[in-house]
Amino acid sequence: MKNPFILCFVAGMVTGMGNGSVFGAALMCFLGRAKFEHWGGWMGQAYNPLTFTGFIDWAMIIFGFAFYITLHVAVNRQNSLEQAG
């Protein structure tokens, strides 16, 4: 593959956001809503990190980008090894 961007982005974001949702579910089971006054499920409030849903959504996005970066580095290193061999 000459440019694995799309493959890495889709696979990394899907995997990372899935793991971020598991993190959010575990957090919800452990803490409940804790100190989050609003659950934040409507329109722009769903992405406000001061609401519970917004915090979980941002955790999912951050996990997704972290997995994308990790996968992109791994695929690029694998491609360089295949090119050398």
PDB file of N, CA and C in Angstrom:
ATOM      1  N   MET A   1       0.834  -1.181   0.000  1.00  0.00           N
ATOM      2  CA  MET A   1       0.000   0.000   0.000  1.00  0.00           C
ATOM      3  C   MET A   1       0.874   1.238   0.000  1.00  0.00           C
ATOM      4  N   LYS A   2       0.622   2.105  -0.936  1.00  0.00           N
ATOM      5  CA  LYS A   2       1.430   3.314  -0.987  1.00  0.00           C
ATOM      6  C   LYS A   2       0.958   4.360   0.002  1.00  0.00           C
ATOM      7  N   ASN A   3      -0.364   4.497   0.172  1.00  0.00           N
ATOM      8  CA  ASN A   3      -0.890   5.482   1.102  1.00  0.00           C
ATOM      9  C   ASN A   3      -1.968   4.834   1.971  1.00  0.00           C
ATOM     10  N   PRO A   4      -1.594   4.361   3.154  1.00  0.00           N
ATOM     11  CA  PRO A   4      -2.548   3.640   4.002  1.00  0.00           C
ATOM     12  C   PRO A   4      -3.406   4.553   4.879  1.00  0.00           C
ATOM     13  N   PHE A   5      -3.526   5.845   4.539  1.00  0.00           N
ATOM     14  CA  PHE A   5      -4.238   6.789   5.400  1.00  0.00           C
ATOM     15  C   PHE A   5      -5.673   6.360   5.677  1.00  0.00           C
ATOM     16  N   ILE A   6      -6.449   6.073   4.638  1.00  0.00           N
ATOM     17  CA  ILE A   6      -7.866   5.743   4.813  1.00  0.00           C
ATOM     18  C   ILE A   6      -8.022   4.465   5.630  1.00  0.00           C
ATOM     19  N   LEU A   7      -7.255   3.437   5.294  1.00  0.00           N
ATOM     20  CA  LEU A   7      -7.312   2.187   6.044  1.00  0.00           C
ATOM     21  C   LEU A   7      -7.003   2.428   7.514  1.00  0.00           C
ATOM     22  N   CYS A   8      -5.931   3.152   7.787  1.00  0.00           N
ATOM     23  CA  CYS A   8      -5.531   3.406   9.177  1.00  0.00           C
ATOM     24  C   CYS A   8      -6.547   4.274   9.897  1.00  0.00           C
ATOM     25  N   PHE A   9      -7.070   5.277   9.202  1.00  0.00           N
ATOM     26  CA  PHE A   9      -8.011   6.190   9.846  1.00  0.00           C
ATOM     27  C   PHE A   9      -9.306   5.479  10.219  1.00  0.00           C
ATOM     28  N   VAL A  10      -9.867   4.741   9.282  1.00  0.00           N
ATOM     29  CA  VAL A  10     -11.134   4.051   9.549  1.00  0.00           C
ATOM     30  C   VAL A  10     -10.945   2.968  10.605  1.00  0.00           C
ATOM     31  N   ALA A  11      -9.955   2.114  10.425  1.00  0.00           N
ATOM     32  CA  ALA A  11      -9.743   1.025  11.385  1.00  0.00           C
ATOM     33  C   ALA A  11      -9.353   1.563  12.760  1.00  0.00           C
ATOM     34  N   GLY A  12      -8.503   2.573  12.794  1.00  0.00           N
ATOM     35  CA  GLY A  12      -8.076   3.144  14.074  1.00  0.00           C
ATOM     36  C   GLY A  12      -9.197   3.846  14.802  1.00  0.00           C
ATOM     37  N   MET A  13      -9.994   4.636  14.078  1.00  0.00           N
ATOM     38  CA  MET A  13     -11.090   5.355  14.728  1.00  0.00           C
ATOM     39  C   MET A  13     -12.181   4.395  15.204  1.00  0.00           C
ATOM     40  N   VAL A  14     -12.524   3.399  14.405  1.00  0.00           N
ATOM     41  CA  VAL A  14     -13.560   2.446  14.819  1.00  0.00           C
ATOM     42  C   VAL A  14     -13.109   1.675  16.055  1.00  0.00           C
ATOM     43  N   THR A  15     -11.878   1.175  16.036  1.00  0.00           N
ATOM     44  CA  THR A  15     -11.366   0.415  17.180  1.00  0.00           C
ATOM     45  C   THR A  15     -11.210   1.306  18.399  1.00  0.00           C
ATOM     46  N   GLY A  16     -10.606   2.471  18.209  1.00  0.00           N
ATOM     47  CA  GLY A  16     -10.367   3.367  19.333  1.00  0.00           C
ATOM     48  C   GLY A  16     -11.644   3.896  19.943  1.00  0.00           C
ATOM     49  N   MET A  17     -12.610   4.276  19.104  1.00  0.00           N
ATOM     50  CA  MET A  17     -13.865   4.790  19.646  1.00  0.00           C
ATOM     51  C   MET A  17     -14.662   3.681  20.326  1.00  0.00           C
ATOM     52  N   GLY A  18     -14.524   2.459  19.828  1.00  0.00           N
ATOM     53  CA  GLY A  18     -15.154   1.330  20.517  1.00  0.00           C
ATOM     54  C   GLY A  18     -14.558   1.126  21.898  1.00  0.00           C
ATOM     55  N   ASN A  19     -13.246   1.228  21.996  1.00  0.00           N
ATOM     56  CA  ASN A  19     -12.605   1.110  23.303  1.00  0.00           C
ATOM     57  C   ASN A  19     -12.938   2.299  24.193  1.00  0.00           C
ATOM     58  N   GLY A  20     -13.093   3.483  23.596  1.00  0.00           N
ATOM     59  CA  GLY A  20     -13.491   4.655  24.373  1.00  0.00           C
ATOM     60  C   GLY A  20     -14.894   4.506  24.929  1.00  0.00           C
ATOM     61  N   SER A  21     -15.779   3.859  24.180  1.00  0.00           N
ATOM     62  CA  SER A  21     -17.132   3.639  24.696  1.00  0.00           C
ATOM     63  C   SER A  21     -17.126   2.631  25.839  1.00  0.00           C
ATOM     64  N   VAL A  22     -16.254   1.642  25.771  1.00  0.00           N
ATOM     65  CA  VAL A  22     -16.120   0.696  26.886  1.00  0.00           C
ATOM     66  C   VAL A  22     -15.579   1.425  28.115  1.00  0.00           C
ATOM     67  N   PHE A  23     -14.624   2.323  27.906  1.00  0.00           N
ATOM     68  CA  PHE A  23     -14.115   3.152  28.998  1.00  0.00           C
ATOM     69  C   PHE A  23     -15.249   3.971  29.602  1.00  0.00           C
ATOM     70  N   GLY A  24     -16.090   4.557  28.754  1.00  0.00           N
ATOM     71  CA  GLY A  24     -17.224   5.348  29.236  1.00  0.00           C
ATOM     72  C   GLY A  24     -18.228   4.506  29.998  1.00  0.00           C
ATOM     73  N   ALA A  25     -18.502   3.303  29.515  1.00  0.00           N
ATOM     74  CA  ALA A  25     -19.437   2.414  30.219  1.00  0.00           C
ATOM     75  C   ALA A  25     -18.881   2.001  31.578  1.00  0.00           C
ATOM     76  N   ALA A  26     -17.576   1.706  31.621  1.00  0.00           N
ATOM     77  CA  ALA A  26     -16.959   1.339  32.895  1.00  0.00           C
ATOM     78  C   ALA A  26     -16.976   2.524  33.862  1.00  0.00           C
ATOM     79  N   LEU A  27     -16.721   3.718  33.339  1.00  0.00           N
ATOM     80  CA  LEU A  27     -16.763   4.913  34.169  1.00  0.00           C
ATOM     81  C   LEU A  27     -18.169   5.147  34.701  1.00  0.00           C
ATOM     82  N   MET A  28     -19.157   4.943  33.845  1.00  0.00           N
ATOM     83  CA  MET A  28     -20.538   5.132  34.265  1.00  0.00           C
ATOM     84  C   MET A  28     -20.925   4.111  35.342  1.00  0.00           C
ATOM     85  N   CYS A  29     -20.498   2.874  35.184  1.00  0.00           N
ATOM     86  CA  CYS A  29     -20.803   1.857  36.187  1.00  0.00           C
ATOM     87  C   CYS A  29     -20.081   2.140  37.499  1.00  0.00           C
ATOM     88  N   PHE A  30     -18.875   2.653  37.413  1.00  0.00           N
ATOM     89  CA  PHE A  30     -18.074   2.898  38.615  1.00  0.00           C
ATOM     90  C   PHE A  30     -18.498   4.161  39.348  1.00  0.00           C
ATOM     91  N   LEU A  31     -18.728   5.248  38.613  1.00  0.00           N
ATOM     92  CA  LEU A  31     -18.994   6.535  39.241  1.00  0.00           C
ATOM     93  C   LEU A  31     -20.444   6.990  39.178  1.00  0.00           C
ATOM     94  N   GLY A  32     -21.234   6.415  38.294  1.00  0.00           N
ATOM     95  CA  GLY A  32     -22.546   7.000  38.029  1.00  0.00           C
ATOM     96  C   GLY A  32     -22.315   8.289  37.271  1.00  0.00           C
ATOM     97  N   ARG A  33     -23.088   9.313  37.557  1.00  0.00           N
ATOM     98  CA  ARG A  33     -22.841  10.600  36.910  1.00  0.00           C
ATOM     99  C   ARG A  33     -21.873  11.444  37.716  1.00  0.00           C
ATOM    100  N   ALA A  34     -21.526  10.985  38.891  1.00  0.00           N
ATOM    101  CA  ALA A  34     -20.539  11.643  39.752  1.00  0.00           C
ATOM    102  C   ALA A  34     -20.827  13.131  39.876  1.00  0.00           C
ATOM    103  N   LYS A  35     -19.877  13.962  39.511  1.00  0.00           N
ATOM    104  CA  LYS A  35     -20.034  15.405  39.686  1.00  0.00           C
ATOM    105  C   LYS A  35     -20.563  16.096  38.434  1.00  0.00           C
ATOM    106  N   PHE A  36     -20.989  15.330  37.440  1.00  0.00           N
ATOM    107  CA  PHE A  36     -21.561  15.934  36.239  1.00  0.00           C
ATOM    108  C   PHE A  36     -23.004  16.326  36.539  1.00  0.00           C
ATOM    109  N   GLU A  37     -23.272  17.633  36.510  1.00  0.00           N
ATOM    110  CA  GLU A  37     -24.607  18.128  36.843  1.00  0.00           C
ATOM    111  C   GLU A  37     -25.623  17.781  35.764  1.00  0.00           C
ATOM    112  N   HIS A  38     -25.208  17.841  34.497  1.00  0.00           N
ATOM    113  CA  HIS A  38     -26.108  17.576  33.374  1.00  0.00           C
ATOM    114  C   HIS A  38     -25.591  16.367  32.599  1.00  0.00           C
ATOM    115  N   TRP A  39     -26.517  15.591  32.064  1.00  0.00           N
ATOM    116  CA  TRP A  39     -26.070  14.448  31.273  1.00  0.00           C
ATOM    117  C   TRP A  39     -25.676  14.884  29.871  1.00  0.00           C
ATOM    118  N   GLY A  40     -26.245  15.953  29.316  1.00  0.00           N
ATOM    119  CA  GLY A  40     -25.771  16.549  28.073  1.00  0.00           C
ATOM    120  C   GLY A  40     -26.039  15.772  26.817  1.00  0.00           C
ATOM    121  N   GLY A  41     -27.217  15.245  26.635  1.00  0.00           N
ATOM    122  CA  GLY A  41     -27.481  14.435  25.455  1.00  0.00           C
ATOM    123  C   GLY A  41     -28.146  15.143  24.305  1.00  0.00           C
ATOM    124  N   TRP A  42     -28.365  16.433  24.370  1.00  0.00           N
ATOM    125  CA  TRP A  42     -29.092  17.137  23.323  1.00  0.00           C
ATOM    126  C   TRP A  42     -28.183  18.030  22.508  1.00  0.00           C
ATOM    127  N   MET A  43     -28.206  17.877  21.195  1.00  0.00           N
ATOM    128  CA  MET A  43     -27.544  18.737  20.217  1.00  0.00           C
ATOM    129  C   MET A  43     -26.084  19.023  20.600  1.00  0.00           C
ATOM    130  N   GLY A  44     -25.707  20.281  20.765  1.00  0.00           N
ATOM    131  CA  GLY A  44     -24.316  20.630  21.045  1.00  0.00           C
ATOM    132  C   GLY A  44     -23.851  20.210  22.430  1.00  0.00           C
ATOM    133  N   GLN A  45     -24.795  20.001  23.341  1.00  0.00           N
ATOM    134  CA  GLN A  45     -24.420  19.566  24.686  1.00  0.00           C
ATOM    135  C   GLN A  45     -23.799  18.175  24.693  1.00  0.00           C
ATOM    136  N   ALA A  46     -24.059  17.404  23.646  1.00  0.00           N
ATOM    137  CA  ALA A  46     -23.492  16.056  23.557  1.00  0.00           C
ATOM    138  C   ALA A  46     -21.977  16.086  23.388  1.00  0.00           C
ATOM    139  N   TYR A  47     -21.418  17.243  22.996  1.00  0.00           N
ATOM    140  CA  TYR A  47     -19.973  17.351  22.814  1.00  0.00           C
ATOM    141  C   TYR A  47     -19.346  18.351  23.775  1.00  0.00           C
ATOM    142  N   ASN A  48     -20.103  18.807  24.749  1.00  0.00           N
ATOM    143  CA  ASN A  48     -19.573  19.698  25.773  1.00  0.00           C
ATOM    144  C   ASN A  48     -18.876  18.839  26.827  1.00  0.00           C
ATOM    145  N   PRO A  49     -17.560  18.956  27.002  1.00  0.00           N
ATOM    146  CA  PRO A  49     -16.858  18.069  27.928  1.00  0.00           C
ATOM    147  C   PRO A  49     -17.222  18.282  29.396  1.00  0.00           C
ATOM    148  N   LEU A  50     -18.012  19.303  29.699  1.00  0.00           N
ATOM    149  CA  LEU A  50     -18.442  19.515  31.080  1.00  0.00           C
ATOM    150  C   LEU A  50     -19.699  18.732  31.415  1.00  0.00           C
ATOM    151  N   THR A  51     -20.313  18.105  30.409  1.00  0.00           N
ATOM    152  CA  THR A  51     -21.460  17.234  30.657  1.00  0.00           C
ATOM    153  C   THR A  51     -20.987  15.779  30.601  1.00  0.00           C
ATOM    154  N   PHE A  52     -21.788  14.891  31.156  1.00  0.00           N
ATOM    155  CA  PHE A  52     -21.376  13.484  31.211  1.00  0.00           C
ATOM    156  C   PHE A  52     -21.235  12.894  29.810  1.00  0.00           C
ATOM    157  N   THR A  53     -22.244  13.069  28.962  1.00  0.00           N
ATOM    158  CA  THR A  53     -22.182  12.519  27.612  1.00  0.00           C
ATOM    159  C   THR A  53     -21.063  13.153  26.805  1.00  0.00           C
ATOM    160  N   GLY A  54     -20.859  14.449  26.980  1.00  0.00           N
ATOM    161  CA  GLY A  54     -19.778  15.134  26.274  1.00  0.00           C
ATOM    162  C   GLY A  54     -18.414  14.614  26.677  1.00  0.00           C
ATOM    163  N   PHE A  55     -18.244  14.341  27.967  1.00  0.00           N
ATOM    164  CA  PHE A  55     -16.977  13.787  28.439  1.00  0.00           C
ATOM    165  C   PHE A  55     -16.716  12.429  27.800  1.00  0.00           C
ATOM    166  N   ILE A  56     -17.740  11.581  27.755  1.00  0.00           N
ATOM    167  CA  ILE A  56     -17.588  10.250  27.163  1.00  0.00           C
ATOM    168  C   ILE A  56     -17.343  10.374  25.655  1.00  0.00           C
ATOM    169  N   ASP A  57     -18.055  11.291  24.977  1.00  0.00           N
ATOM    170  CA  ASP A  57     -17.829  11.477  23.541  1.00  0.00           C
ATOM    171  C   ASP A  57     -16.402  11.926  23.260  1.00  0.00           C
ATOM    172  N   TRP A  58     -15.886  12.857  24.054  1.00  0.00           N
ATOM    173  CA  TRP A  58     -14.504  13.297  23.842  1.00  0.00           C
ATOM    174  C   TRP A  58     -13.508  12.199  24.176  1.00  0.00           C
ATOM    175  N   ALA A  59     -13.819  11.372  25.174  1.00  0.00           N
ATOM    176  CA  ALA A  59     -12.943  10.228  25.464  1.00  0.00           C
ATOM    177  C   ALA A  59     -12.902   9.287  24.267  1.00  0.00           C
ATOM    178  N   MET A  60     -14.049   9.059  23.632  1.00  0.00           N
ATOM    179  CA  MET A  60     -14.092   8.188  22.458  1.00  0.00           C
ATOM    180  C   MET A  60     -13.286   8.778  21.303  1.00  0.00           C
ATOM    181  N   ILE A  61     -13.405  10.085  21.086  1.00  0.00           N
ATOM    182  CA  ILE A  61     -12.663  10.727  19.999  1.00  0.00           C
ATOM    183  C   ILE A  61     -11.159  10.662  20.260  1.00  0.00           C
ATOM    184  N   ILE A  62     -10.742  10.911  21.486  1.00  0.00           N
ATOM    185  CA  ILE A  62      -9.313  10.861  21.831  1.00  0.00           C
ATOM    186  C   ILE A  62      -8.775   9.444  21.696  1.00  0.00           C
ATOM    187  N   PHE A  63      -9.523   8.449  22.167  1.00  0.00           N
ATOM    188  CA  PHE A  63      -9.112   7.051  21.994  1.00  0.00           C
ATOM    189  C   PHE A  63      -8.998   6.725  20.507  1.00  0.00           C
ATOM    190  N   GLY A  64      -9.942   7.206  19.703  1.00  0.00           N
ATOM    191  CA  GLY A  64      -9.912   6.947  18.263  1.00  0.00           C
ATOM    192  C   GLY A  64      -8.664   7.507  17.604  1.00  0.00           C
ATOM    193  N   PHE A  65      -8.329   8.763  17.907  1.00  0.00           N
ATOM    194  CA  PHE A  65      -7.118   9.352  17.325  1.00  0.00           C
ATOM    195  C   PHE A  65      -5.855   8.656  17.820  1.00  0.00           C
ATOM    196  N   ALA A  66      -5.832   8.243  19.079  1.00  0.00           N
ATOM    197  CA  ALA A  66      -4.658   7.530  19.598  1.00  0.00           C
ATOM    198  C   ALA A  66      -4.465   6.204  18.857  1.00  0.00           C
ATOM    199  N   PHE A  67      -5.561   5.465  18.627  1.00  0.00           N
ATOM    200  CA  PHE A  67      -5.450   4.203  17.894  1.00  0.00           C
ATOM    201  C   PHE A  67      -5.082   4.448  16.445  1.00  0.00           C
ATOM    202  N   TYR A  68      -5.594   5.531  15.850  1.00  0.00           N
ATOM    203  CA  TYR A  68      -5.224   5.861  14.466  1.00  0.00           C
ATOM    204  C   TYR A  68      -3.726   6.114  14.366  1.00  0.00           C
ATOM    205  N   ILE A  69      -3.183   6.908  15.266  1.00  0.00           N
ATOM    206  CA  ILE A  69      -1.743   7.218  15.230  1.00  0.00           C
ATOM    207  C   ILE A  69      -0.919   5.952  15.407  1.00  0.00           C
ATOM    208  N   THR A  70      -1.311   5.118  16.361  1.00  0.00           N
ATOM    209  CA  THR A  70      -0.595   3.874  16.605  1.00  0.00           C
ATOM    210  C   THR A  70      -0.626   2.968  15.367  1.00  0.00           C
ATOM    211  N   LEU A  71      -1.793   2.819  14.765  1.00  0.00           N
ATOM    212  CA  LEU A  71      -1.929   1.966  13.592  1.00  0.00           C
ATOM    213  C   LEU A  71      -1.174   2.540  12.401  1.00  0.00           C
ATOM    214  N   HIS A  72      -1.204   3.853  12.233  1.00  0.00           N
ATOM    215  CA  HIS A  72      -0.508   4.490  11.118  1.00  0.00           C
ATOM    216  C   HIS A  72       1.010   4.280  11.230  1.00  0.00           C
ATOM    217  N   VAL A  73       1.555   4.431  12.425  1.00  0.00           N
ATOM    218  CA  VAL A  73       2.991   4.201  12.633  1.00  0.00           C
ATOM    219  C   VAL A  73       3.339   2.743  12.339  1.00  0.00           C
ATOM    220  N   ALA A  74       2.507   1.816  12.828  1.00  0.00           N
ATOM    221  CA  ALA A  74       2.778   0.392  12.620  1.00  0.00           C
ATOM    222  C   ALA A  74       2.725   0.018  11.137  1.00  0.00           C
ATOM    223  N   VAL A  75       1.728   0.522  10.418  1.00  0.00           N
ATOM    224  CA  VAL A  75       1.605   0.190   8.996  1.00  0.00           C
ATOM    225  C   VAL A  75       2.752   0.809   8.200  1.00  0.00           C
ATOM    226  N   ASN A  76       3.135   2.041   8.517  1.00  0.00           N
ATOM    227  CA  ASN A  76       4.265   2.655   7.812  1.00  0.00           C
ATOM    228  C   ASN A  76       5.568   1.905   8.063  1.00  0.00           C
ATOM    229  N   ARG A  77       5.775   1.443   9.288  1.00  0.00           N
ATOM    230  CA  ARG A  77       6.989   0.659   9.570  1.00  0.00           C
ATOM    231  C   ARG A  77       6.962  -0.673   8.838  1.00  0.00           C
ATOM    232  N   GLN A  78       5.793  -1.302   8.784  1.00  0.00           N
ATOM    233  CA  GLN A  78       5.672  -2.562   8.053  1.00  0.00           C
ATOM    234  C   GLN A  78       5.934  -2.339   6.563  1.00  0.00           C
ATOM    235  N   ASN A  79       5.395  -1.256   6.015  1.00  0.00           N
ATOM    236  CA  ASN A  79       5.655  -0.953   4.599  1.00  0.00           C
ATOM    237  C   ASN A  79       7.128  -0.719   4.334  1.00  0.00           C
ATOM    238  N   SER A  80       7.817  -0.028   5.232  1.00  0.00           N
ATOM    239  CA  SER A  80       9.256   0.205   5.018  1.00  0.00           C
ATOM    240  C   SER A  80      10.046  -1.099   5.099  1.00  0.00           C
ATOM    241  N   LEU A  81       9.631  -2.019   5.970  1.00  0.00           N
ATOM    242  CA  LEU A  81      10.296  -3.329   6.035  1.00  0.00           C
ATOM    243  C   LEU A  81      10.050  -4.135   4.762  1.00  0.00           C
ATOM    244  N   GLU A  82       8.844  -4.070   4.228  1.00  0.00           N
ATOM    245  CA  GLU A  82       8.541  -4.799   2.998  1.00  0.00           C
ATOM    246  C   GLU A  82       9.276  -4.208   1.803  1.00  0.00           C
ATOM    247  N   GLN A  83       9.424  -2.890   1.771  1.00  0.00           N
ATOM    248  CA  GLN A  83      10.157  -2.239   0.682  1.00  0.00           C
ATOM    249  C   GLN A  83      11.634  -2.594   0.713  1.00  0.00           C
ATOM    250  N   ALA A  84      12.189  -2.714   1.913  1.00  0.00           N
ATOM    251  CA  ALA A  84      13.616  -3.037   2.060  1.00  0.00           C
ATOM    252  C   ALA A  84      13.904  -4.504   1.684  1.00  0.00           C
ATOM    253  N   GLY A  85      12.920  -5.362   1.909  1.00  0.00           N
ATOM    254  CA  GLY A  85      13.124  -6.802   1.705  1.00  0.00           C
ATOM    255  C   GLY A  85      12.909  -7.238   0.335  1.00  0.00           C
TER     256      GLY A  85
END
